[in-house]
Amino acid sequence: MEFKLRANFVKSKELTVEANDLMEAVEKAEAMMAELIPVKELTTGKLHFDVLSGIKWLDDSKYRCKV
């Protein structure tokens, strides 16, 4: 059988932001995340798969010995 899948990784990073309100904190966090971040600083929070196509049964006729 052959399956076509897409792997989806959710990466996370904890941030500490000083701000006067939540909106300002989110804006500062967005600016921080816009910079280059080494992958090793991120943790995998979630992993899930999407099925992109149905099952395709392998056509093994080309692998059979012709006698």
N, C-alpha and C. Protein backbone atom coordinates (compact mmCIF):
# COMPACT_ATOMS: atom_id res chain seq x y z
N MET A 1 0.84 -1.18 0.00
CA MET A 1 0.00 0.00 0.00
C MET A 1 0.89 1.24 0.00
N GLU A 2 0.35 2.28 -0.52
CA GLU A 2 1.06 3.55 -0.55
C GLU A 2 0.15 4.64 0.00
N PHE A 3 0.69 5.45 0.90
CA PHE A 3 -0.07 6.54 1.50
C PHE A 3 0.68 7.83 1.25
N LYS A 4 -0.03 8.88 0.96
CA LYS A 4 0.58 10.20 0.84
C LYS A 4 0.14 11.00 2.05
N LEU A 5 1.11 11.38 2.90
CA LEU A 5 0.82 12.08 4.15
C LEU A 5 1.56 13.40 4.21
N ARG A 6 1.07 14.29 5.02
CA ARG A 6 1.78 15.54 5.33
C ARG A 6 1.96 15.56 6.85
N ALA A 7 3.21 15.74 7.29
CA ALA A 7 3.50 15.84 8.71
C ALA A 7 3.46 17.31 9.11
N ASN A 8 2.75 17.61 10.18
CA ASN A 8 2.61 18.97 10.69
C ASN A 8 3.22 19.04 12.08
N PHE A 9 4.24 19.87 12.23
CA PHE A 9 4.90 20.06 13.51
C PHE A 9 4.53 21.43 14.06
N VAL A 10 4.16 21.47 15.32
CA VAL A 10 3.94 22.74 15.99
C VAL A 10 5.13 22.95 16.91
N LYS A 11 5.89 24.00 16.65
CA LYS A 11 7.06 24.31 17.46
C LYS A 11 6.72 25.45 18.41
N SER A 12 7.29 25.41 19.61
CA SER A 12 6.98 26.39 20.64
C SER A 12 8.25 27.00 21.23
N LYS A 13 8.09 28.20 21.75
CA LYS A 13 9.16 28.86 22.48
C LYS A 13 8.50 29.73 23.54
N GLU A 14 8.98 29.60 24.77
CA GLU A 14 8.45 30.43 25.84
C GLU A 14 9.14 31.78 25.80
N LEU A 15 8.35 32.84 25.94
CA LEU A 15 8.87 34.20 25.92
C LEU A 15 8.49 34.92 27.20
N THR A 16 9.36 35.78 27.67
CA THR A 16 9.04 36.66 28.78
C THR A 16 9.06 38.08 28.23
N VAL A 17 7.92 38.77 28.35
CA VAL A 17 7.77 40.10 27.76
C VAL A 17 7.23 41.04 28.83
N GLU A 18 7.86 42.20 28.95
CA GLU A 18 7.34 43.24 29.84
C GLU A 18 6.53 44.23 29.01
N ALA A 19 5.29 44.48 29.44
CA ALA A 19 4.42 45.39 28.70
C ALA A 19 3.36 45.94 29.63
N ASN A 20 2.71 47.01 29.19
CA ASN A 20 1.65 47.64 29.99
C ASN A 20 0.31 46.92 29.84
N ASP A 21 0.10 46.24 28.70
CA ASP A 21 -1.14 45.50 28.51
C ASP A 21 -0.88 44.31 27.59
N LEU A 22 -1.87 43.47 27.46
CA LEU A 22 -1.73 42.24 26.67
C LEU A 22 -1.46 42.52 25.20
N MET A 23 -2.10 43.52 24.63
CA MET A 23 -1.91 43.84 23.22
C MET A 23 -0.46 44.23 22.95
N GLU A 24 0.11 45.05 23.82
CA GLU A 24 1.51 45.44 23.68
C GLU A 24 2.42 44.23 23.83
N ALA A 25 2.08 43.33 24.75
CA ALA A 25 2.88 42.12 24.95
C ALA A 25 2.87 41.24 23.71
N VAL A 26 1.71 41.09 23.09
CA VAL A 26 1.61 40.28 21.87
C VAL A 26 2.42 40.91 20.74
N GLU A 27 2.35 42.22 20.61
CA GLU A 27 3.12 42.91 19.57
C GLU A 27 4.62 42.72 19.78
N LYS A 28 5.07 42.81 21.03
CA LYS A 28 6.48 42.60 21.32
C LYS A 28 6.89 41.15 21.05
N ALA A 29 6.03 40.21 21.42
CA ALA A 29 6.31 38.79 21.17
C ALA A 29 6.39 38.51 19.67
N GLU A 30 5.48 39.10 18.89
CA GLU A 30 5.52 38.93 17.44
C GLU A 30 6.83 39.46 16.86
N ALA A 31 7.28 40.60 17.36
CA ALA A 31 8.55 41.18 16.89
C ALA A 31 9.72 40.27 17.26
N MET A 32 9.68 39.68 18.45
CA MET A 32 10.75 38.77 18.87
C MET A 32 10.78 37.52 17.98
N MET A 33 9.61 37.00 17.64
CA MET A 33 9.53 35.77 16.84
C MET A 33 9.83 36.03 15.36
N ALA A 34 9.81 37.29 14.94
CA ALA A 34 10.13 37.62 13.55
C ALA A 34 11.63 37.55 13.29
N GLU A 35 12.43 37.60 14.36
CA GLU A 35 13.88 37.48 14.22
C GLU A 35 14.27 36.03 13.99
N LEU A 36 15.49 35.81 13.51
CA LEU A 36 15.97 34.44 13.33
C LEU A 36 16.11 33.75 14.69
N ILE A 37 15.56 32.56 14.78
CA ILE A 37 15.60 31.80 16.03
C ILE A 37 16.22 30.44 15.73
N PRO A 38 17.26 30.05 16.45
CA PRO A 38 17.83 28.72 16.24
C PRO A 38 16.79 27.63 16.55
N VAL A 39 16.73 26.63 15.72
CA VAL A 39 15.75 25.56 15.88
C VAL A 39 15.91 24.86 17.23
N LYS A 40 17.14 24.77 17.73
CA LYS A 40 17.36 24.08 19.00
C LYS A 40 16.70 24.80 20.18
N GLU A 41 16.31 26.07 20.00
CA GLU A 41 15.61 26.80 21.05
C GLU A 41 14.11 26.52 21.05
N LEU A 42 13.63 25.82 20.03
CA LEU A 42 12.20 25.51 19.93
C LEU A 42 11.93 24.10 20.41
N THR A 43 10.77 23.89 21.00
CA THR A 43 10.37 22.55 21.41
C THR A 43 9.16 22.13 20.58
N THR A 44 9.08 20.84 20.30
CA THR A 44 7.94 20.32 19.54
C THR A 44 6.76 20.20 20.49
N GLY A 45 5.74 20.96 20.22
CA GLY A 45 4.56 20.93 21.07
C GLY A 45 3.52 19.94 20.60
N LYS A 46 3.44 19.74 19.30
CA LYS A 46 2.40 18.87 18.75
C LYS A 46 2.85 18.34 17.40
N LEU A 47 2.44 17.14 17.08
CA LEU A 47 2.72 16.53 15.78
C LEU A 47 1.46 15.82 15.33
N HIS A 48 1.01 16.11 14.12
CA HIS A 48 -0.12 15.37 13.57
C HIS A 48 0.07 15.20 12.06
N PHE A 49 -0.66 14.27 11.50
CA PHE A 49 -0.54 13.94 10.08
C PHE A 49 -1.86 14.17 9.37
N ASP A 50 -1.76 14.68 8.14
CA ASP A 50 -2.92 14.80 7.25
C ASP A 50 -2.76 13.76 6.15
N VAL A 51 -3.83 13.07 5.81
CA VAL A 51 -3.81 12.13 4.70
C VAL A 51 -4.15 12.92 3.44
N LEU A 52 -3.21 12.97 2.48
CA LEU A 52 -3.40 13.77 1.28
C LEU A 52 -4.09 13.00 0.16
N SER A 53 -4.01 11.69 0.21
CA SER A 53 -4.66 10.89 -0.83
C SER A 53 -5.15 9.60 -0.22
N GLY A 54 -6.04 8.95 -0.93
CA GLY A 54 -6.53 7.66 -0.47
C GLY A 54 -5.46 6.58 -0.61
N ILE A 55 -5.81 5.38 -0.28
CA ILE A 55 -4.88 4.25 -0.37
C ILE A 55 -4.69 3.86 -1.82
N LYS A 56 -3.44 3.71 -2.24
CA LYS A 56 -3.14 3.20 -3.57
C LYS A 56 -2.52 1.83 -3.37
N TRP A 57 -3.14 0.81 -3.92
CA TRP A 57 -2.60 -0.53 -3.80
C TRP A 57 -1.44 -0.67 -4.76
N LEU A 58 -0.36 -1.23 -4.29
CA LEU A 58 0.84 -1.42 -5.08
C LEU A 58 0.55 -2.37 -6.23
N ASP A 59 0.88 -1.95 -7.44
CA ASP A 59 0.74 -2.82 -8.61
C ASP A 59 2.02 -3.64 -8.71
N ASP A 60 1.95 -4.88 -8.21
CA ASP A 60 3.16 -5.70 -8.18
C ASP A 60 3.37 -6.50 -9.47
N SER A 61 2.57 -6.26 -10.50
CA SER A 61 2.72 -7.02 -11.74
C SER A 61 4.08 -6.79 -12.38
N LYS A 62 4.66 -5.65 -12.23
CA LYS A 62 5.98 -5.39 -12.83
C LYS A 62 7.10 -6.04 -12.04
N TYR A 63 6.80 -6.54 -10.83
CA TYR A 63 7.81 -7.20 -10.01
C TYR A 63 7.73 -8.72 -10.08
N ARG A 64 6.69 -9.26 -10.68
CA ARG A 64 6.54 -10.72 -10.77
C ARG A 64 7.48 -11.30 -11.81
N CYS A 65 7.96 -12.48 -11.53
CA CYS A 65 8.81 -13.19 -12.49
C CYS A 65 7.94 -13.71 -13.62
N LYS A 66 8.37 -13.47 -14.84
CA LYS A 66 7.63 -13.97 -16.00
C LYS A 66 8.24 -15.32 -16.38
N VAL A 67 7.42 -16.34 -16.32
CA VAL A 67 7.92 -17.69 -16.61
C VAL A 67 7.39 -18.15 -17.94
